[in-house]
Amino acid sequence: MSRTMIKSQITEELSLARKHLDYSYNRVVKILFDRELDEEQLEKLESFSSRFARFSEIAISKYFRVLVLERDPAFRGSIIDLLNHAEKHGWISSKDQWLRIRELRNVAAHEYSAADYKKLYQELIRLTPVLLQLSTQL
């Protein structure tokens, strides 16, 4: 499969993941965290965090990698190297934000204490607009 076809396939995957994340984001953005959350809210938040993780994984591990490989076919760098390239080329505004997104993706995918879940969800919600502004036209 050619790089152009691979990029096209990844772009489609990213677009679909964006659509799902945007939908979930709009369902959770108005949740009030100053009270106990009910089961329906928790279910919405779980779905949202999963979609946040999926979108960020596709963006970083697949999309940025294919963009970098277009410019440098020999590239074999780390996630930090990918994000440095993405910032350098103007694909993202802040590698530090994306490093935090990556870190939160890892936290959301693993166990976290019950006391921290509200804080985690609030930060995922706060950073979602950064994900959603990523262009698939690069």
N, C-alpha and C. Protein backbone atom coordinates (compact mmCIF):
# COMPACT_ATOMS: atom_id res chain seq x y z
N MET A 1 0.85 -1.17 0.00
CA MET A 1 0.00 0.00 0.00
C MET A 1 0.90 1.24 0.00
N SER A 2 0.58 2.23 -0.82
CA SER A 2 1.40 3.44 -0.92
C SER A 2 1.20 4.34 0.31
N ARG A 3 2.16 5.22 0.53
CA ARG A 3 2.05 6.16 1.65
C ARG A 3 0.83 7.06 1.51
N THR A 4 0.49 7.42 0.28
CA THR A 4 -0.69 8.25 0.03
C THR A 4 -1.95 7.53 0.46
N MET A 5 -2.04 6.25 0.15
CA MET A 5 -3.21 5.46 0.54
C MET A 5 -3.25 5.28 2.05
N ILE A 6 -2.09 5.05 2.65
CA ILE A 6 -2.03 4.91 4.11
C ILE A 6 -2.46 6.21 4.78
N LYS A 7 -1.94 7.34 4.29
CA LYS A 7 -2.32 8.63 4.86
C LYS A 7 -3.81 8.86 4.72
N SER A 8 -4.37 8.53 3.56
CA SER A 8 -5.80 8.70 3.33
C SER A 8 -6.62 7.85 4.30
N GLN A 9 -6.19 6.61 4.50
CA GLN A 9 -6.89 5.71 5.42
C GLN A 9 -6.81 6.24 6.86
N ILE A 10 -5.65 6.70 7.27
CA ILE A 10 -5.48 7.24 8.62
C ILE A 10 -6.31 8.52 8.79
N THR A 11 -6.34 9.35 7.76
CA THR A 11 -7.12 10.59 7.81
C THR A 11 -8.61 10.28 7.97
N GLU A 12 -9.09 9.28 7.27
CA GLU A 12 -10.49 8.86 7.42
C GLU A 12 -10.76 8.34 8.83
N GLU A 13 -9.84 7.53 9.34
CA GLU A 13 -9.97 6.99 10.70
C GLU A 13 -10.00 8.13 11.72
N LEU A 14 -9.12 9.11 11.53
CA LEU A 14 -9.05 10.26 12.43
C LEU A 14 -10.33 11.09 12.35
N SER A 15 -10.85 11.29 11.15
CA SER A 15 -12.09 12.06 10.97
C SER A 15 -13.27 11.39 11.68
N LEU A 16 -13.37 10.08 11.57
CA LEU A 16 -14.44 9.36 12.23
C LEU A 16 -14.28 9.43 13.76
N ALA A 17 -13.04 9.28 14.22
CA ALA A 17 -12.79 9.37 15.67
C ALA A 17 -13.11 10.78 16.17
N ARG A 18 -12.82 11.81 15.37
CA ARG A 18 -13.15 13.20 15.74
C ARG A 18 -14.67 13.36 15.88
N LYS A 19 -15.41 12.80 14.93
CA LYS A 19 -16.87 12.88 14.96
C LYS A 19 -17.41 12.26 16.26
N HIS A 20 -16.90 11.10 16.62
CA HIS A 20 -17.34 10.43 17.84
C HIS A 20 -16.93 11.21 19.09
N LEU A 21 -15.71 11.73 19.09
CA LEU A 21 -15.25 12.52 20.24
C LEU A 21 -16.07 13.78 20.39
N ASP A 22 -16.33 14.47 19.30
CA ASP A 22 -17.12 15.70 19.34
C ASP A 22 -18.52 15.43 19.91
N TYR A 23 -19.12 14.33 19.47
CA TYR A 23 -20.44 13.95 19.98
C TYR A 23 -20.39 13.74 21.50
N SER A 24 -19.42 12.95 21.95
CA SER A 24 -19.32 12.67 23.39
C SER A 24 -18.98 13.93 24.18
N TYR A 25 -18.09 14.74 23.63
CA TYR A 25 -17.71 15.99 24.29
C TYR A 25 -18.94 16.87 24.53
N ASN A 26 -19.78 17.00 23.52
CA ASN A 26 -20.99 17.83 23.66
C ASN A 26 -21.97 17.26 24.67
N ARG A 27 -21.88 15.97 24.96
CA ARG A 27 -22.75 15.35 25.97
C ARG A 27 -22.21 15.53 27.39
N VAL A 28 -20.92 15.76 27.53
CA VAL A 28 -20.34 15.84 28.88
C VAL A 28 -19.91 17.25 29.29
N VAL A 29 -19.79 18.14 28.34
CA VAL A 29 -19.24 19.46 28.64
C VAL A 29 -20.08 20.24 29.67
N LYS A 30 -21.35 19.92 29.77
CA LYS A 30 -22.23 20.65 30.69
C LYS A 30 -22.43 19.93 32.03
N ILE A 31 -21.76 18.82 32.21
CA ILE A 31 -21.89 18.09 33.48
C ILE A 31 -21.27 18.94 34.60
N LEU A 32 -22.00 19.04 35.70
CA LEU A 32 -21.51 19.79 36.87
C LEU A 32 -20.78 18.82 37.79
N PHE A 33 -19.56 19.16 38.11
CA PHE A 33 -18.72 18.27 38.92
C PHE A 33 -18.73 18.62 40.40
N ASP A 34 -19.54 19.58 40.79
CA ASP A 34 -19.58 19.99 42.19
C ASP A 34 -20.59 19.19 43.01
N ARG A 35 -21.14 18.15 42.39
CA ARG A 35 -22.08 17.26 43.09
C ARG A 35 -21.79 15.82 42.70
N GLU A 36 -22.47 14.91 43.36
CA GLU A 36 -22.30 13.49 43.06
C GLU A 36 -22.84 13.19 41.65
N LEU A 37 -22.10 12.41 40.90
CA LEU A 37 -22.51 12.09 39.54
C LEU A 37 -23.37 10.82 39.55
N ASP A 38 -24.40 10.82 38.72
CA ASP A 38 -25.25 9.63 38.64
C ASP A 38 -24.69 8.65 37.61
N GLU A 39 -25.31 7.49 37.53
CA GLU A 39 -24.82 6.43 36.64
C GLU A 39 -24.83 6.85 35.17
N GLU A 40 -25.83 7.58 34.76
CA GLU A 40 -25.91 8.03 33.36
C GLU A 40 -24.74 8.98 33.03
N GLN A 41 -24.47 9.90 33.95
CA GLN A 41 -23.35 10.82 33.73
C GLN A 41 -22.01 10.07 33.70
N LEU A 42 -21.87 9.12 34.61
CA LEU A 42 -20.63 8.33 34.64
C LEU A 42 -20.45 7.53 33.35
N GLU A 43 -21.55 6.99 32.84
CA GLU A 43 -21.47 6.24 31.58
C GLU A 43 -21.07 7.16 30.43
N LYS A 44 -21.64 8.35 30.38
CA LYS A 44 -21.27 9.32 29.35
C LYS A 44 -19.79 9.70 29.45
N LEU A 45 -19.32 9.89 30.68
CA LEU A 45 -17.92 10.26 30.89
C LEU A 45 -16.97 9.14 30.51
N GLU A 46 -17.35 7.91 30.81
CA GLU A 46 -16.52 6.75 30.43
C GLU A 46 -16.40 6.65 28.91
N SER A 47 -17.52 6.80 28.23
CA SER A 47 -17.51 6.77 26.77
C SER A 47 -16.67 7.92 26.22
N PHE A 48 -16.84 9.09 26.78
CA PHE A 48 -16.06 10.26 26.37
C PHE A 48 -14.57 10.03 26.55
N SER A 49 -14.16 9.51 27.71
CA SER A 49 -12.73 9.31 27.96
C SER A 49 -12.14 8.27 27.01
N SER A 50 -12.93 7.27 26.67
CA SER A 50 -12.48 6.27 25.70
C SER A 50 -12.29 6.90 24.32
N ARG A 51 -13.20 7.75 23.94
CA ARG A 51 -13.10 8.42 22.64
C ARG A 51 -11.96 9.44 22.62
N PHE A 52 -11.74 10.10 23.74
CA PHE A 52 -10.60 11.01 23.87
C PHE A 52 -9.29 10.23 23.66
N ALA A 53 -9.20 9.09 24.33
CA ALA A 53 -7.99 8.26 24.23
C ALA A 53 -7.80 7.75 22.80
N ARG A 54 -8.86 7.31 22.17
CA ARG A 54 -8.76 6.78 20.81
C ARG A 54 -8.33 7.86 19.82
N PHE A 55 -8.96 9.02 19.90
CA PHE A 55 -8.61 10.10 18.98
C PHE A 55 -7.15 10.53 19.17
N SER A 56 -6.74 10.71 20.41
CA SER A 56 -5.37 11.15 20.67
C SER A 56 -4.36 10.10 20.22
N GLU A 57 -4.68 8.85 20.37
CA GLU A 57 -3.78 7.77 19.94
C GLU A 57 -3.63 7.76 18.42
N ILE A 58 -4.74 7.88 17.71
CA ILE A 58 -4.68 7.92 16.25
C ILE A 58 -3.89 9.15 15.79
N ALA A 59 -4.17 10.29 16.40
CA ALA A 59 -3.49 11.53 16.01
C ALA A 59 -1.99 11.43 16.21
N ILE A 60 -1.57 11.01 17.38
CA ILE A 60 -0.14 11.00 17.70
C ILE A 60 0.58 9.84 17.04
N SER A 61 0.10 8.63 17.28
CA SER A 61 0.84 7.45 16.84
C SER A 61 0.72 7.14 15.35
N LYS A 62 -0.36 7.57 14.74
CA LYS A 62 -0.55 7.27 13.32
C LYS A 62 -0.42 8.51 12.44
N TYR A 63 -1.26 9.52 12.72
CA TYR A 63 -1.34 10.68 11.84
C TYR A 63 -0.04 11.49 11.84
N PHE A 64 0.45 11.87 13.01
CA PHE A 64 1.70 12.63 13.04
C PHE A 64 2.85 11.81 12.47
N ARG A 65 2.84 10.53 12.75
CA ARG A 65 3.92 9.66 12.23
C ARG A 65 3.92 9.64 10.70
N VAL A 66 2.76 9.49 10.08
CA VAL A 66 2.71 9.46 8.62
C VAL A 66 3.10 10.82 8.03
N LEU A 67 2.74 11.90 8.71
CA LEU A 67 3.13 13.24 8.23
C LEU A 67 4.64 13.43 8.31
N VAL A 68 5.24 12.99 9.41
CA VAL A 68 6.69 13.11 9.56
C VAL A 68 7.40 12.22 8.53
N LEU A 69 6.90 11.02 8.34
CA LEU A 69 7.52 10.11 7.37
C LEU A 69 7.45 10.63 5.94
N GLU A 70 6.44 11.43 5.64
CA GLU A 70 6.38 12.07 4.32
C GLU A 70 7.59 13.00 4.11
N ARG A 71 7.99 13.67 5.18
CA ARG A 71 9.10 14.62 5.11
C ARG A 71 10.45 13.94 5.31
N ASP A 72 10.43 12.89 6.13
CA ASP A 72 11.68 12.19 6.46
C ASP A 72 11.40 10.69 6.54
N PRO A 73 11.52 9.98 5.41
CA PRO A 73 11.20 8.55 5.38
C PRO A 73 12.04 7.69 6.34
N ALA A 74 13.17 8.19 6.79
CA ALA A 74 14.03 7.42 7.70
C ALA A 74 13.71 7.70 9.17
N PHE A 75 12.71 8.51 9.45
CA PHE A 75 12.39 8.89 10.83
C PHE A 75 12.06 7.66 11.68
N ARG A 76 12.68 7.57 12.86
CA ARG A 76 12.42 6.48 13.80
C ARG A 76 12.34 7.01 15.23
N GLY A 77 11.86 8.23 15.38
CA GLY A 77 11.88 8.89 16.68
C GLY A 77 10.78 8.45 17.62
N SER A 78 10.87 8.97 18.82
CA SER A 78 9.92 8.70 19.90
C SER A 78 8.68 9.59 19.76
N ILE A 79 7.75 9.41 20.67
CA ILE A 79 6.54 10.25 20.71
C ILE A 79 6.94 11.71 20.91
N ILE A 80 7.89 11.96 21.77
CA ILE A 80 8.35 13.33 22.00
C ILE A 80 8.94 13.91 20.71
N ASP A 81 9.70 13.11 19.99
CA ASP A 81 10.25 13.56 18.71
C ASP A 81 9.13 13.87 17.71
N LEU A 82 8.11 13.02 17.67
CA LEU A 82 6.96 13.28 16.80
C LEU A 82 6.29 14.61 17.14
N LEU A 83 6.08 14.83 18.43
CA LEU A 83 5.41 16.06 18.86
C LEU A 83 6.29 17.29 18.61
N ASN A 84 7.60 17.14 18.74
CA ASN A 84 8.50 18.24 18.40
C ASN A 84 8.36 18.60 16.92
N HIS A 85 8.32 17.59 16.05
CA HIS A 85 8.12 17.82 14.62
C HIS A 85 6.77 18.49 14.37
N ALA A 86 5.74 17.99 15.03
CA ALA A 86 4.39 18.53 14.83
C ALA A 86 4.34 20.01 15.22
N GLU A 87 4.99 20.37 16.30
CA GLU A 87 5.02 21.77 16.72
C GLU A 87 5.86 22.60 15.75
N LYS A 88 7.01 22.08 15.38
CA LYS A 88 7.92 22.78 14.46
C LYS A 88 7.24 23.09 13.13
N HIS A 89 6.43 22.16 12.62
CA HIS A 89 5.78 22.34 11.33
C HIS A 89 4.41 23.02 11.44
N GLY A 90 4.02 23.41 12.65
CA GLY A 90 2.77 24.13 12.85
C GLY A 90 1.52 23.29 12.82
N TRP A 91 1.67 21.98 12.97
CA TRP A 91 0.51 21.09 12.98
C TRP A 91 -0.22 21.20 14.32
N ILE A 92 0.53 21.51 15.37
CA ILE A 92 -0.03 21.74 16.71
C ILE A 92 0.60 23.01 17.25
N SER A 93 -0.07 23.63 18.22
CA SER A 93 0.46 24.87 18.77
C SER A 93 1.40 24.64 19.95
N SER A 94 1.24 23.50 20.64
CA SER A 94 2.05 23.27 21.83
C SER A 94 2.32 21.78 22.04
N LYS A 95 3.58 21.39 21.95
CA LYS A 95 3.92 19.99 22.21
C LYS A 95 3.66 19.64 23.67
N ASP A 96 3.80 20.62 24.56
CA ASP A 96 3.55 20.37 25.98
C ASP A 96 2.09 19.99 26.24
N GLN A 97 1.17 20.67 25.56
CA GLN A 97 -0.25 20.30 25.70
C GLN A 97 -0.47 18.87 25.21
N TRP A 98 0.15 18.53 24.10
CA TRP A 98 -0.03 17.20 23.53
C TRP A 98 0.66 16.13 24.37
N LEU A 99 1.76 16.48 25.02
CA LEU A 99 2.39 15.53 25.96
C LEU A 99 1.44 15.28 27.13
N ARG A 100 0.77 16.33 27.59
CA ARG A 100 -0.19 16.18 28.68
C ARG A 100 -1.38 15.33 28.22
N ILE A 101 -1.84 15.56 26.99
CA ILE A 101 -2.93 14.76 26.43
C ILE A 101 -2.52 13.29 26.41
N ARG A 102 -1.30 13.03 25.99
CA ARG A 102 -0.78 11.65 25.94
C ARG A 102 -0.74 11.03 27.34
N GLU A 103 -0.29 11.82 28.28
CA GLU A 103 -0.22 11.35 29.67
C GLU A 103 -1.63 11.04 30.20
N LEU A 104 -2.58 11.92 29.93
CA LEU A 104 -3.95 11.70 30.39
C LEU A 104 -4.59 10.50 29.70
N ARG A 105 -4.24 10.29 28.43
CA ARG A 105 -4.72 9.11 27.72
C ARG A 105 -4.28 7.85 28.44
N ASN A 106 -3.04 7.85 28.88
CA ASN A 106 -2.52 6.69 29.61
C ASN A 106 -3.20 6.53 30.97
N VAL A 107 -3.45 7.62 31.65
CA VAL A 107 -4.13 7.56 32.95
C VAL A 107 -5.56 7.06 32.76
N ALA A 108 -6.26 7.60 31.76
CA ALA A 108 -7.65 7.21 31.52
C ALA A 108 -7.77 5.74 31.14
N ALA A 109 -6.75 5.21 30.49
CA ALA A 109 -6.77 3.81 30.06
C ALA A 109 -6.46 2.84 31.19
N HIS A 110 -5.97 3.34 32.31
CA HIS A 110 -5.60 2.49 33.44
C HIS A 110 -6.41 2.87 34.66
N GLU A 111 -6.11 2.23 35.73
CA GLU A 111 -6.82 2.50 36.98
C GLU A 111 -6.46 3.87 37.53
N TYR A 112 -7.44 4.51 38.09
CA TYR A 112 -7.24 5.76 38.82
C TYR A 112 -8.16 5.71 40.02
N SER A 113 -7.80 6.45 41.06
CA SER A 113 -8.58 6.37 42.29
C SER A 113 -9.93 7.07 42.12
N ALA A 114 -10.88 6.63 42.87
CA ALA A 114 -12.22 7.21 42.81
C ALA A 114 -12.20 8.69 43.15
N ALA A 115 -11.28 9.09 44.01
CA ALA A 115 -11.18 10.49 44.41
C ALA A 115 -10.68 11.37 43.26
N ASP A 116 -9.97 10.79 42.32
CA ASP A 116 -9.37 11.57 41.24
C ASP A 116 -10.18 11.59 39.95
N TYR A 117 -11.23 10.80 39.86
CA TYR A 117 -11.92 10.67 38.58
C TYR A 117 -12.54 11.99 38.11
N LYS A 118 -13.09 12.78 39.02
CA LYS A 118 -13.68 14.05 38.61
C LYS A 118 -12.62 14.98 38.04
N LYS A 119 -11.49 15.03 38.69
CA LYS A 119 -10.39 15.87 38.23
C LYS A 119 -9.90 15.41 36.85
N LEU A 120 -9.78 14.11 36.67
CA LEU A 120 -9.36 13.55 35.39
C LEU A 120 -10.35 13.94 34.29
N TYR A 121 -11.63 13.72 34.51
CA TYR A 121 -12.62 14.04 33.49
C TYR A 121 -12.64 15.53 33.18
N GLN A 122 -12.50 16.36 34.20
CA GLN A 122 -12.49 17.80 33.96
C GLN A 122 -11.30 18.21 33.08
N GLU A 123 -10.16 17.61 33.30
CA GLU A 123 -9.00 17.94 32.47
C GLU A 123 -9.16 17.41 31.06
N LEU A 124 -9.73 16.23 30.90
CA LEU A 124 -10.01 15.71 29.56
C LEU A 124 -10.95 16.66 28.81
N ILE A 125 -11.98 17.13 29.49
CA ILE A 125 -12.93 18.07 28.88
C ILE A 125 -12.22 19.37 28.51
N ARG A 126 -11.36 19.86 29.38
CA ARG A 126 -10.65 21.11 29.13
C ARG A 126 -9.73 21.00 27.92
N LEU A 127 -9.12 19.84 27.71
CA LEU A 127 -8.16 19.68 26.61
C LEU A 127 -8.80 19.19 25.30
N THR A 128 -10.03 18.77 25.34
CA THR A 128 -10.67 18.27 24.12
C THR A 128 -10.68 19.29 22.98
N PRO A 129 -10.95 20.57 23.22
CA PRO A 129 -10.89 21.52 22.09
C PRO A 129 -9.53 21.55 21.39
N VAL A 130 -8.45 21.26 22.11
CA VAL A 130 -7.13 21.19 21.49
C VAL A 130 -7.09 20.04 20.48
N LEU A 131 -7.69 18.91 20.84
CA LEU A 131 -7.76 17.77 19.92
C LEU A 131 -8.64 18.09 18.73
N LEU A 132 -9.79 18.68 19.00
CA LEU A 132 -10.76 18.92 17.94
C LEU A 132 -10.30 19.96 16.91
N GLN A 133 -9.36 20.80 17.30
CA GLN A 133 -8.88 21.81 16.34
C GLN A 133 -7.81 21.25 15.39
N LEU A 134 -7.38 20.02 15.61
CA LEU A 134 -6.39 19.41 14.72
C LEU A 134 -6.95 19.27 13.32
N SER A 135 -6.23 19.78 12.35
CA SER A 135 -6.67 19.70 10.96
C SER A 135 -6.31 18.35 10.35
N THR A 136 -7.21 17.81 9.58
CA THR A 136 -6.91 16.59 8.83
C THR A 136 -6.53 16.94 7.40
N GLN A 137 -6.26 18.22 7.17
CA GLN A 137 -5.89 18.68 5.84
C GLN A 137 -4.41 19.04 5.76
N LEU A 138 -3.59 18.40 6.54
CA LEU A 138 -2.15 18.72 6.55
C LEU A 138 -1.43 17.93 5.49
